Amino acid sequence: LLNALAEHGLTRADCIVALGGGVTGDLAGFSAATYQRGISYVQMPTTLLAAVDSSVGGKTAIDLPAGKNLAGAFYQPELVLCDADALNTLPEEVFRDGCAEVIKYGVIWDADLFERLKQPIRPQIEDIIARCVSIKRDVVERDEFDMGLRGLLNFGHTIGHAVEKCSRFKVSHGSAVAIGMALITKAAYLADICEKECADQVYSLLRQYELPVETAYSPDDLLTAMERDKKRAGTCITLVLPEAIGKCRLEKLPVAEMKALLRPALEEQTWM
């Protein structure tokens, strides 16, 4: 893509438009960030996942064989244009992928949003998108470069990225995050971090949206993939652990302690 931009003679006065889902937005954004040390770009998300999450906040990246989003940049778009009517063109499974990220916002930040999701989402889709974007805006404004609070947006993603890597990225991001949210919530319950009612509600809402809540990949394979997650800092990884609906905490753990916390949930994934 960078070669194509050069061949077409784009200059720093030009602009890239990312029309599509999360992969398109990430690829276009990373290209914009690196071409001639940075040119403008506009996000035009056409999937629910991109609308509520990846188009907002300036994270751009591409996957490497070693892991998810390992080459990237923080680079804000000039503009994000979202037309909810575009979501009517999506296959149902792609729309459901975005629902996983919407559920994430309810668990980490907004119990009222979580309750609203128990009703059909499509009749209230514009309000739901607006609420998710406002949450992400508030978080990113306080921690643009992911040094603390923004880590909450990774709820379900550490396990989810491991599922994606183990599948060689054949499992979609939304499905992987749904699995990650279910398993990290079960781990939190088993560790007495959240009540069973909280865990039951997360599991129930994921199933209501026909999202997966378990994976066939072995605990060892998943934990090995997590060790290589880009969020690892030295010998530690920060997990997002739910305490209640609308409230999560960040827990920085040595890799060995992370494995000990997660292994029981990964070994027995059937819900309680």
C-alpha atoms as a PDB file:
ATOM      1  CA  LEU A   1       0.000   0.000   0.000  1.00  0.00           C
ATOM      2  CA  LEU A   2       2.839   2.403   0.790  1.00  0.00           C
ATOM      3  CA  ASN A   3       4.360   1.651  -2.606  1.00  0.00           C
ATOM      4  CA  ALA A   4       1.000   2.321  -4.269  1.00  0.00           C
ATOM      5  CA  LEU A   5       0.725   5.689  -2.542  1.00  0.00           C
ATOM      6  CA  ALA A   6       4.176   6.627  -3.803  1.00  0.00           C
ATOM      7  CA  GLU A   7       3.451   5.381  -7.325  1.00  0.00           C
ATOM      8  CA  HIS A   8       0.323   7.555  -7.449  1.00  0.00           C
ATOM      9  CA  GLY A   9       2.270  10.582  -6.303  1.00  0.00           C
ATOM     10  CA  LEU A  10       0.412  11.350  -3.083  1.00  0.00           C
ATOM     11  CA  THR A  11       1.892  14.236  -1.132  1.00  0.00           C
ATOM     12  CA  ARG A  12       1.572  15.463   2.437  1.00  0.00           C
ATOM     13  CA  ALA A  13      -1.231  17.733   1.241  1.00  0.00           C
ATOM     14  CA  ASP A  14      -3.324  14.678   0.305  1.00  0.00           C
ATOM     15  CA  CYS A  15      -5.593  12.483   2.397  1.00  0.00           C
ATOM     16  CA  ILE A  16      -6.342   8.763   2.731  1.00  0.00           C
ATOM     17  CA  VAL A  17      -9.945   7.660   3.307  1.00  0.00           C
ATOM     18  CA  ALA A  18     -10.546   4.372   5.123  1.00  0.00           C
ATOM     19  CA  LEU A  19     -13.917   3.062   3.900  1.00  0.00           C
ATOM     20  CA  GLY A  20     -14.618  -0.291   5.517  1.00  0.00           C
ATOM     21  CA  GLY A  21     -14.231  -2.248   8.715  1.00  0.00           C
ATOM     22  CA  GLY A  22     -11.538  -2.454  11.358  1.00  0.00           C
ATOM     23  CA  VAL A  23      -8.833  -4.057   9.220  1.00  0.00           C
ATOM     24  CA  THR A  24      -9.312  -1.433   6.510  1.00  0.00           C
ATOM     25  CA  GLY A  25      -9.199   1.380   9.056  1.00  0.00           C
ATOM     26  CA  ASP A  26      -6.102   0.030  10.784  1.00  0.00           C
ATOM     27  CA  LEU A  27      -4.251  -0.556   7.516  1.00  0.00           C
ATOM     28  CA  ALA A  28      -5.154   2.850   6.084  1.00  0.00           C
ATOM     29  CA  GLY A  29      -4.356   4.593   9.360  1.00  0.00           C
ATOM     30  CA  PHE A  30      -0.961   2.944   9.753  1.00  0.00           C
ATOM     31  CA  SER A  31      -0.147   3.756   6.129  1.00  0.00           C
ATOM     32  CA  ALA A  32      -1.152   7.380   6.697  1.00  0.00           C
ATOM     33  CA  ALA A  33       0.975   7.510   9.847  1.00  0.00           C
ATOM     34  CA  THR A  34       4.088   6.258   8.089  1.00  0.00           C
ATOM     35  CA  TYR A  35       3.822   7.588   4.519  1.00  0.00           C
ATOM     36  CA  GLN A  36       6.075  10.663   4.229  1.00  0.00           C
ATOM     37  CA  ARG A  37       6.170  10.671   8.061  1.00  0.00           C
ATOM     38  CA  GLY A  38       2.434  11.256   8.215  1.00  0.00           C
ATOM     39  CA  ILE A  39      -0.407  12.445   6.006  1.00  0.00           C
ATOM     40  CA  SER A  40      -4.056  13.079   6.889  1.00  0.00           C
ATOM     41  CA  TYR A  41      -6.652  10.332   6.917  1.00  0.00           C
ATOM     42  CA  VAL A  42     -10.388  10.001   7.460  1.00  0.00           C
ATOM     43  CA  GLN A  43     -12.175   7.015   8.989  1.00  0.00           C
ATOM     44  CA  MET A  44     -15.499   5.986   7.401  1.00  0.00           C
ATOM     45  CA  PRO A  45     -16.470   2.835   9.336  1.00  0.00           C
ATOM     46  CA  THR A  46     -18.967   0.500   7.671  1.00  0.00           C
ATOM     47  CA  THR A  47     -19.097  -2.174  10.397  1.00  0.00           C
ATOM     48  CA  LEU A  48     -20.458  -1.903  13.922  1.00  0.00           C
ATOM     49  CA  LEU A  49     -17.118  -2.947  15.398  1.00  0.00           C
ATOM     50  CA  ALA A  50     -15.282  -0.198  13.518  1.00  0.00           C
ATOM     51  CA  ALA A  51     -17.967   2.375  14.317  1.00  0.00           C
ATOM     52  CA  VAL A  52     -17.870   1.881  18.088  1.00  0.00           C
ATOM     53  CA  ASP A  53     -14.234   0.980  18.545  1.00  0.00           C
ATOM     54  CA  SER A  54     -11.439   0.793  15.997  1.00  0.00           C
ATOM     55  CA  SER A  55     -12.227   3.994  14.048  1.00  0.00           C
ATOM     56  CA  VAL A  56     -12.028   6.086  17.232  1.00  0.00           C
ATOM     57  CA  GLY A  57      -8.968   6.807  19.332  1.00  0.00           C
ATOM     58  CA  GLY A  58      -6.080   6.741  16.879  1.00  0.00           C
ATOM     59  CA  LYS A  59      -4.738   3.218  17.322  1.00  0.00           C
ATOM     60  CA  THR A  60      -3.546   1.873  13.972  1.00  0.00           C
ATOM     61  CA  ALA A  61      -1.719  -1.405  13.386  1.00  0.00           C
ATOM     62  CA  ILE A  62      -1.176  -4.501  11.305  1.00  0.00           C
ATOM     63  CA  ASP A  63      -0.723  -8.086  12.470  1.00  0.00           C
ATOM     64  CA  LEU A  64       2.553  -9.966  12.279  1.00  0.00           C
ATOM     65  CA  PRO A  65       2.863 -13.767  12.259  1.00  0.00           C
ATOM     66  CA  ALA A  66       4.096 -13.506  15.861  1.00  0.00           C
ATOM     67  CA  GLY A  67       0.983 -11.743  17.105  1.00  0.00           C
ATOM     68  CA  LYS A  68      -1.863  -9.275  16.831  1.00  0.00           C
ATOM     69  CA  ASN A  69      -1.220  -5.583  16.066  1.00  0.00           C
ATOM     70  CA  LEU A  70       2.530  -5.809  16.623  1.00  0.00           C
ATOM     71  CA  ALA A  71       3.373  -3.101  14.060  1.00  0.00           C
ATOM     72  CA  GLY A  72       1.471   0.139  14.461  1.00  0.00           C
ATOM     73  CA  ALA A  73       1.266   3.754  15.545  1.00  0.00           C
ATOM     74  CA  PHE A  74      -0.891   6.106  17.574  1.00  0.00           C
ATOM     75  CA  TYR A  75      -2.211   8.411  14.852  1.00  0.00           C
ATOM     76  CA  GLN A  76      -5.481  10.307  15.074  1.00  0.00           C
ATOM     77  CA  PRO A  77      -7.783  10.681  12.071  1.00  0.00           C
ATOM     78  CA  GLU A  78      -8.800  14.167  10.945  1.00  0.00           C
ATOM     79  CA  LEU A  79     -12.433  13.078  10.900  1.00  0.00           C
ATOM     80  CA  VAL A  80     -14.652  10.057  11.548  1.00  0.00           C
ATOM     81  CA  LEU A  81     -17.842   9.795   9.499  1.00  0.00           C
ATOM     82  CA  CYS A  82     -20.275   7.079  10.550  1.00  0.00           C
ATOM     83  CA  ASP A  83     -23.555   6.382   8.751  1.00  0.00           C
ATOM     84  CA  ALA A  84     -25.492   3.754  10.686  1.00  0.00           C
ATOM     85  CA  ASP A  85     -27.457   2.835   7.545  1.00  0.00           C
ATOM     86  CA  ALA A  86     -24.302   1.135   6.249  1.00  0.00           C
ATOM     87  CA  LEU A  87     -24.729  -1.470   8.989  1.00  0.00           C
ATOM     88  CA  ASN A  88     -27.873  -2.738   7.218  1.00  0.00           C
ATOM     89  CA  THR A  89     -25.616  -4.154   4.482  1.00  0.00           C
ATOM     90  CA  LEU A  90     -23.672  -6.407   6.862  1.00  0.00           C
ATOM     91  CA  PRO A  91     -23.965 -10.186   7.114  1.00  0.00           C
ATOM     92  CA  GLU A  92     -25.443 -11.046  10.501  1.00  0.00           C
ATOM     93  CA  GLU A  93     -22.251 -12.642  11.807  1.00  0.00           C
ATOM     94  CA  VAL A  94     -20.262  -9.471  11.024  1.00  0.00           C
ATOM     95  CA  PHE A  95     -22.830  -7.311  12.815  1.00  0.00           C
ATOM     96  CA  ARG A  96     -22.640  -9.653  15.829  1.00  0.00           C
ATOM     97  CA  ASP A  97     -18.862  -9.169  15.924  1.00  0.00           C
ATOM     98  CA  GLY A  98     -19.469  -5.511  16.672  1.00  0.00           C
ATOM     99  CA  CYS A  99     -21.956  -6.387  19.389  1.00  0.00           C
ATOM    100  CA  ALA A 100     -19.094  -7.962  21.334  1.00  0.00           C
ATOM    101  CA  GLU A 101     -17.319  -4.613  21.534  1.00  0.00           C
ATOM    102  CA  VAL A 102     -20.566  -2.873  22.499  1.00  0.00           C
ATOM    103  CA  ILE A 103     -21.052  -5.336  25.366  1.00  0.00           C
ATOM    104  CA  LYS A 104     -17.470  -4.604  26.420  1.00  0.00           C
ATOM    105  CA  TYR A 105     -18.308  -0.939  26.994  1.00  0.00           C
ATOM    106  CA  GLY A 106     -21.211  -1.892  29.208  1.00  0.00           C
ATOM    107  CA  VAL A 107     -19.080  -4.170  31.376  1.00  0.00           C
ATOM    108  CA  ILE A 108     -16.128  -1.808  31.799  1.00  0.00           C
ATOM    109  CA  TRP A 109     -17.916   1.528  32.144  1.00  0.00           C
ATOM    110  CA  ASP A 110     -21.706   1.779  31.915  1.00  0.00           C
ATOM    111  CA  ALA A 111     -24.147  -0.534  33.690  1.00  0.00           C
ATOM    112  CA  ASP A 112     -27.091   1.360  32.146  1.00  0.00           C
ATOM    113  CA  LEU A 113     -25.748   0.627  28.653  1.00  0.00           C
ATOM    114  CA  PHE A 114     -25.405  -3.032  29.628  1.00  0.00           C
ATOM    115  CA  GLU A 115     -29.070  -3.085  30.671  1.00  0.00           C
ATOM    116  CA  ARG A 116     -30.144  -1.418  27.414  1.00  0.00           C
ATOM    117  CA  LEU A 117     -28.448  -4.199  25.462  1.00  0.00           C
ATOM    118  CA  LYS A 118     -30.890  -6.706  26.915  1.00  0.00           C
ATOM    119  CA  GLN A 119     -33.417  -5.165  24.514  1.00  0.00           C
ATOM    120  CA  PRO A 120     -33.033  -5.492  20.699  1.00  0.00           C
ATOM    121  CA  ILE A 121     -30.067  -3.392  19.621  1.00  0.00           C
ATOM    122  CA  ARG A 122     -31.018  -2.420  16.055  1.00  0.00           C
ATOM    123  CA  PRO A 123     -33.928  -0.058  16.943  1.00  0.00           C
ATOM    124  CA  GLN A 124     -31.560   1.917  19.204  1.00  0.00           C
ATOM    125  CA  ILE A 125     -28.387   1.535  17.158  1.00  0.00           C
ATOM    126  CA  GLU A 126     -27.543   5.238  16.662  1.00  0.00           C
ATOM    127  CA  ASP A 127     -27.869   5.966  20.377  1.00  0.00           C
ATOM    128  CA  ILE A 128     -25.804   2.875  21.209  1.00  0.00           C
ATOM    129  CA  ILE A 129     -23.014   3.890  18.805  1.00  0.00           C
ATOM    130  CA  ALA A 130     -23.020   7.432  20.188  1.00  0.00           C
ATOM    131  CA  ARG A 131     -22.754   6.175  23.758  1.00  0.00           C
ATOM    132  CA  CYS A 132     -19.877   3.808  22.957  1.00  0.00           C
ATOM    133  CA  VAL A 133     -17.993   6.531  21.101  1.00  0.00           C
ATOM    134  CA  SER A 134     -18.490   8.974  23.982  1.00  0.00           C
ATOM    135  CA  ILE A 135     -17.070   6.438  26.443  1.00  0.00           C
ATOM    136  CA  LYS A 136     -14.041   5.805  24.259  1.00  0.00           C
ATOM    137  CA  ARG A 137     -13.558   9.548  23.713  1.00  0.00           C
ATOM    138  CA  ASP A 138     -13.549  10.194  27.456  1.00  0.00           C
ATOM    139  CA  VAL A 139     -11.043   7.403  28.078  1.00  0.00           C
ATOM    140  CA  VAL A 140      -8.715   8.350  25.212  1.00  0.00           C
ATOM    141  CA  GLU A 141      -8.714  12.041  26.133  1.00  0.00           C
ATOM    142  CA  ARG A 142      -7.403  11.049  29.555  1.00  0.00           C
ATOM    143  CA  ASP A 143      -4.889   8.461  28.301  1.00  0.00           C
ATOM    144  CA  GLU A 144      -4.231   8.760  24.566  1.00  0.00           C
ATOM    145  CA  PHE A 145      -1.064   6.669  24.538  1.00  0.00           C
ATOM    146  CA  ASP A 146      -2.347   3.710  26.554  1.00  0.00           C
ATOM    147  CA  MET A 147      -0.301   4.200  29.710  1.00  0.00           C
ATOM    148  CA  GLY A 148      -3.066   3.450  32.200  1.00  0.00           C
ATOM    149  CA  LEU A 149      -6.828   4.036  32.039  1.00  0.00           C
ATOM    150  CA  ARG A 150      -7.083   3.204  28.337  1.00  0.00           C
ATOM    151  CA  GLY A 151      -6.121  -0.339  29.268  1.00  0.00           C
ATOM    152  CA  LEU A 152      -9.737  -0.864  30.372  1.00  0.00           C
ATOM    153  CA  LEU A 153     -10.684  -0.927  26.681  1.00  0.00           C
ATOM    154  CA  ASN A 154      -8.704  -4.179  26.421  1.00  0.00           C
ATOM    155  CA  PHE A 155     -11.293  -6.123  28.429  1.00  0.00           C
ATOM    156  CA  GLY A 156     -11.395  -9.605  26.899  1.00  0.00           C
ATOM    157  CA  HIS A 157      -8.612  -8.759  24.464  1.00  0.00           C
ATOM    158  CA  THR A 158      -5.633 -10.520  26.060  1.00  0.00           C
ATOM    159  CA  ILE A 159      -7.321 -13.912  25.772  1.00  0.00           C
ATOM    160  CA  GLY A 160      -9.072 -12.802  22.583  1.00  0.00           C
ATOM    161  CA  HIS A 161      -5.822 -11.933  20.822  1.00  0.00           C
ATOM    162  CA  ALA A 162      -4.431 -15.321  21.877  1.00  0.00           C
ATOM    163  CA  VAL A 163      -7.449 -17.032  20.280  1.00  0.00           C
ATOM    164  CA  GLU A 164      -6.909 -15.040  17.090  1.00  0.00           C
ATOM    165  CA  LYS A 165      -3.228 -15.951  16.976  1.00  0.00           C
ATOM    166  CA  CYS A 166      -3.864 -19.643  17.660  1.00  0.00           C
ATOM    167  CA  SER A 167      -6.405 -19.657  14.812  1.00  0.00           C
ATOM    168  CA  ARG A 168      -3.931 -17.877  12.534  1.00  0.00           C
ATOM    169  CA  PHE A 169      -6.453 -15.042  12.508  1.00  0.00           C
ATOM    170  CA  LYS A 170      -9.267 -17.187  11.111  1.00  0.00           C
ATOM    171  CA  VAL A 171     -11.404 -16.476  14.199  1.00  0.00           C
ATOM    172  CA  SER A 172     -12.856 -12.991  13.832  1.00  0.00           C
ATOM    173  CA  HIS A 173     -11.867 -10.264  16.276  1.00  0.00           C
ATOM    174  CA  GLY A 174     -15.357  -9.877  17.726  1.00  0.00           C
ATOM    175  CA  SER A 175     -15.784 -13.602  18.291  1.00  0.00           C
ATOM    176  CA  ALA A 176     -12.344 -13.828  19.888  1.00  0.00           C
ATOM    177  CA  VAL A 177     -13.083 -10.890  22.196  1.00  0.00           C
ATOM    178  CA  ALA A 178     -16.403 -12.480  23.192  1.00  0.00           C
ATOM    179  CA  ILE A 179     -14.544 -15.670  24.150  1.00  0.00           C
ATOM    180  CA  GLY A 180     -11.989 -13.583  26.003  1.00  0.00           C
ATOM    181  CA  MET A 181     -14.647 -11.675  27.947  1.00  0.00           C
ATOM    182  CA  ALA A 182     -16.403 -14.874  28.973  1.00  0.00           C
ATOM    183  CA  LEU A 183     -13.204 -16.589  30.123  1.00  0.00           C
ATOM    184  CA  ILE A 184     -11.659 -13.609  31.937  1.00  0.00           C
ATOM    185  CA  THR A 185     -14.972 -13.061  33.737  1.00  0.00           C
ATOM    186  CA  LYS A 186     -15.043 -16.709  34.776  1.00  0.00           C
ATOM    187  CA  ALA A 187     -11.447 -16.394  35.987  1.00  0.00           C
ATOM    188  CA  ALA A 188     -12.418 -13.299  37.998  1.00  0.00           C
ATOM    189  CA  TYR A 189     -15.320 -15.158  39.579  1.00  0.00           C
ATOM    190  CA  LEU A 190     -13.161 -18.176  40.472  1.00  0.00           C
ATOM    191  CA  ALA A 191     -10.652 -15.786  42.060  1.00  0.00           C
ATOM    192  CA  ASP A 192     -13.406 -14.068  44.118  1.00  0.00           C
ATOM    193  CA  ILE A 193     -12.955 -10.787  42.238  1.00  0.00           C
ATOM    194  CA  CYS A 194     -16.561 -10.615  41.060  1.00  0.00           C
ATOM    195  CA  GLU A 195     -19.816 -12.187  42.194  1.00  0.00           C
ATOM    196  CA  LYS A 196     -21.410 -15.061  40.318  1.00  0.00           C
ATOM    197  CA  GLU A 197     -24.313 -12.792  39.365  1.00  0.00           C
ATOM    198  CA  CYS A 198     -21.902 -10.549  37.441  1.00  0.00           C
ATOM    199  CA  ALA A 199     -20.347 -13.513  35.661  1.00  0.00           C
ATOM    200  CA  ASP A 200     -23.788 -14.951  34.859  1.00  0.00           C
ATOM    201  CA  GLN A 201     -24.924 -11.650  33.353  1.00  0.00           C
ATOM    202  CA  VAL A 202     -21.865 -11.345  31.099  1.00  0.00           C
ATOM    203  CA  TYR A 203     -22.244 -14.923  29.910  1.00  0.00           C
ATOM    204  CA  SER A 204     -25.999 -14.541  29.385  1.00  0.00           C
ATOM    205  CA  LEU A 205     -25.703 -11.373  27.307  1.00  0.00           C
ATOM    206  CA  LEU A 206     -22.970 -12.853  25.116  1.00  0.00           C
ATOM    207  CA  ARG A 207     -25.172 -15.880  24.444  1.00  0.00           C
ATOM    208  CA  GLN A 208     -28.182 -13.634  23.794  1.00  0.00           C
ATOM    209  CA  TYR A 209     -26.186 -12.116  20.928  1.00  0.00           C
ATOM    210  CA  GLU A 210     -25.163 -15.604  19.730  1.00  0.00           C
ATOM    211  CA  LEU A 211     -21.503 -14.928  20.424  1.00  0.00           C
ATOM    212  CA  PRO A 212     -19.062 -17.729  21.321  1.00  0.00           C
ATOM    213  CA  VAL A 213     -17.998 -18.161  24.944  1.00  0.00           C
ATOM    214  CA  GLU A 214     -15.394 -20.932  24.703  1.00  0.00           C
ATOM    215  CA  THR A 215     -12.593 -22.186  22.473  1.00  0.00           C
ATOM    216  CA  ALA A 216     -11.071 -25.549  21.628  1.00  0.00           C
ATOM    217  CA  TYR A 217      -7.495 -24.257  21.863  1.00  0.00           C
ATOM    218  CA  SER A 218      -5.541 -25.705  24.762  1.00  0.00           C
ATOM    219  CA  PRO A 219      -4.695 -23.679  27.871  1.00  0.00           C
ATOM    220  CA  ASP A 220      -0.977 -24.100  27.125  1.00  0.00           C
ATOM    221  CA  ASP A 221      -1.333 -22.787  23.568  1.00  0.00           C
ATOM    222  CA  LEU A 222      -3.412 -19.819  24.713  1.00  0.00           C
ATOM    223  CA  LEU A 223      -1.098 -18.932  27.595  1.00  0.00           C
ATOM    224  CA  THR A 224       1.961 -19.152  25.358  1.00  0.00           C
ATOM    225  CA  ALA A 225       0.310 -16.779  22.886  1.00  0.00           C
ATOM    226  CA  MET A 226      -0.558 -14.377  25.713  1.00  0.00           C
ATOM    227  CA  GLU A 227       3.087 -14.214  26.799  1.00  0.00           C
ATOM    228  CA  ARG A 228       3.835 -12.580  23.440  1.00  0.00           C
ATOM    229  CA  ASP A 229       0.974 -10.094  23.627  1.00  0.00           C
ATOM    230  CA  LYS A 230       2.036  -6.530  22.823  1.00  0.00           C
ATOM    231  CA  LYS A 231       0.654  -5.389  26.196  1.00  0.00           C
ATOM    232  CA  ARG A 232       3.349  -7.336  28.020  1.00  0.00           C
ATOM    233  CA  ALA A 233       5.783  -5.041  29.817  1.00  0.00           C
ATOM    234  CA  GLY A 234       8.948  -6.823  30.871  1.00  0.00           C
ATOM    235  CA  THR A 235       7.878  -9.824  32.949  1.00  0.00           C
ATOM    236  CA  CYS A 236       4.337  -8.532  33.587  1.00  0.00           C
ATOM    237  CA  ILE A 237       1.015  -8.401  31.776  1.00  0.00           C
ATOM    238  CA  THR A 238      -1.918  -6.186  32.773  1.00  0.00           C
ATOM    239  CA  LEU A 239      -5.303  -7.904  32.841  1.00  0.00           C
ATOM    240  CA  VAL A 240      -8.703  -6.207  32.866  1.00  0.00           C
ATOM    241  CA  LEU A 241     -10.736  -7.908  35.588  1.00  0.00           C
ATOM    242  CA  PRO A 242     -14.463  -7.278  36.129  1.00  0.00           C
ATOM    243  CA  GLU A 243     -15.587  -6.464  39.658  1.00  0.00           C
ATOM    244  CA  ALA A 244     -19.212  -5.712  38.738  1.00  0.00           C
ATOM    245  CA  ILE A 245     -21.198  -4.722  35.674  1.00  0.00           C
ATOM    246  CA  GLY A 246     -19.910  -1.253  34.786  1.00  0.00           C
ATOM    247  CA  LYS A 247     -16.743  -1.557  36.866  1.00  0.00           C
ATOM    248  CA  CYS A 248     -13.451  -3.229  36.003  1.00  0.00           C
ATOM    249  CA  ARG A 249      -9.949  -2.911  37.382  1.00  0.00           C
ATOM    250  CA  LEU A 250      -6.491  -3.179  35.891  1.00  0.00           C
ATOM    251  CA  GLU A 251      -4.258  -5.810  37.490  1.00  0.00           C
ATOM    252  CA  LYS A 252      -0.567  -5.907  36.587  1.00  0.00           C
ATOM    253  CA  LEU A 253       0.673  -9.437  37.166  1.00  0.00           C
ATOM    254  CA  PRO A 254       3.911 -11.328  36.596  1.00  0.00           C
ATOM    255  CA  VAL A 255       3.438 -13.820  33.777  1.00  0.00           C
ATOM    256  CA  ALA A 256       3.494 -16.769  36.196  1.00  0.00           C
ATOM    257  CA  GLU A 257       0.720 -15.240  38.320  1.00  0.00           C
ATOM    258  CA  MET A 258      -1.304 -14.415  35.204  1.00  0.00           C
ATOM    259  CA  LYS A 259      -1.100 -18.049  34.135  1.00  0.00           C
ATOM    260  CA  ALA A 260      -2.143 -19.245  37.585  1.00  0.00           C
ATOM    261  CA  LEU A 261      -5.145 -16.898  37.576  1.00  0.00           C
ATOM    262  CA  LEU A 262      -6.352 -17.848  34.093  1.00  0.00           C
ATOM    263  CA  ARG A 263      -5.578 -21.556  33.904  1.00  0.00           C
ATOM    264  CA  PRO A 264      -8.606 -22.817  35.901  1.00  0.00           C
ATOM    265  CA  ALA A 265     -11.000 -20.956  33.579  1.00  0.00           C
ATOM    266  CA  LEU A 266      -9.135 -22.100  30.470  1.00  0.00           C
ATOM    267  CA  GLU A 267      -9.042 -25.736  31.556  1.00  0.00           C
ATOM    268  CA  GLU A 268     -12.777 -25.959  32.295  1.00  0.00           C
ATOM    269  CA  GLN A 269     -14.621 -23.576  30.022  1.00  0.00           C
ATOM    270  CA  THR A 270     -18.126 -24.922  30.556  1.00  0.00           C
ATOM    271  CA  TRP A 271     -20.138 -22.290  32.375  1.00  0.00           C
ATOM    272  CA  MET A 272     -20.876 -22.776  36.065  1.00  0.00           C
END
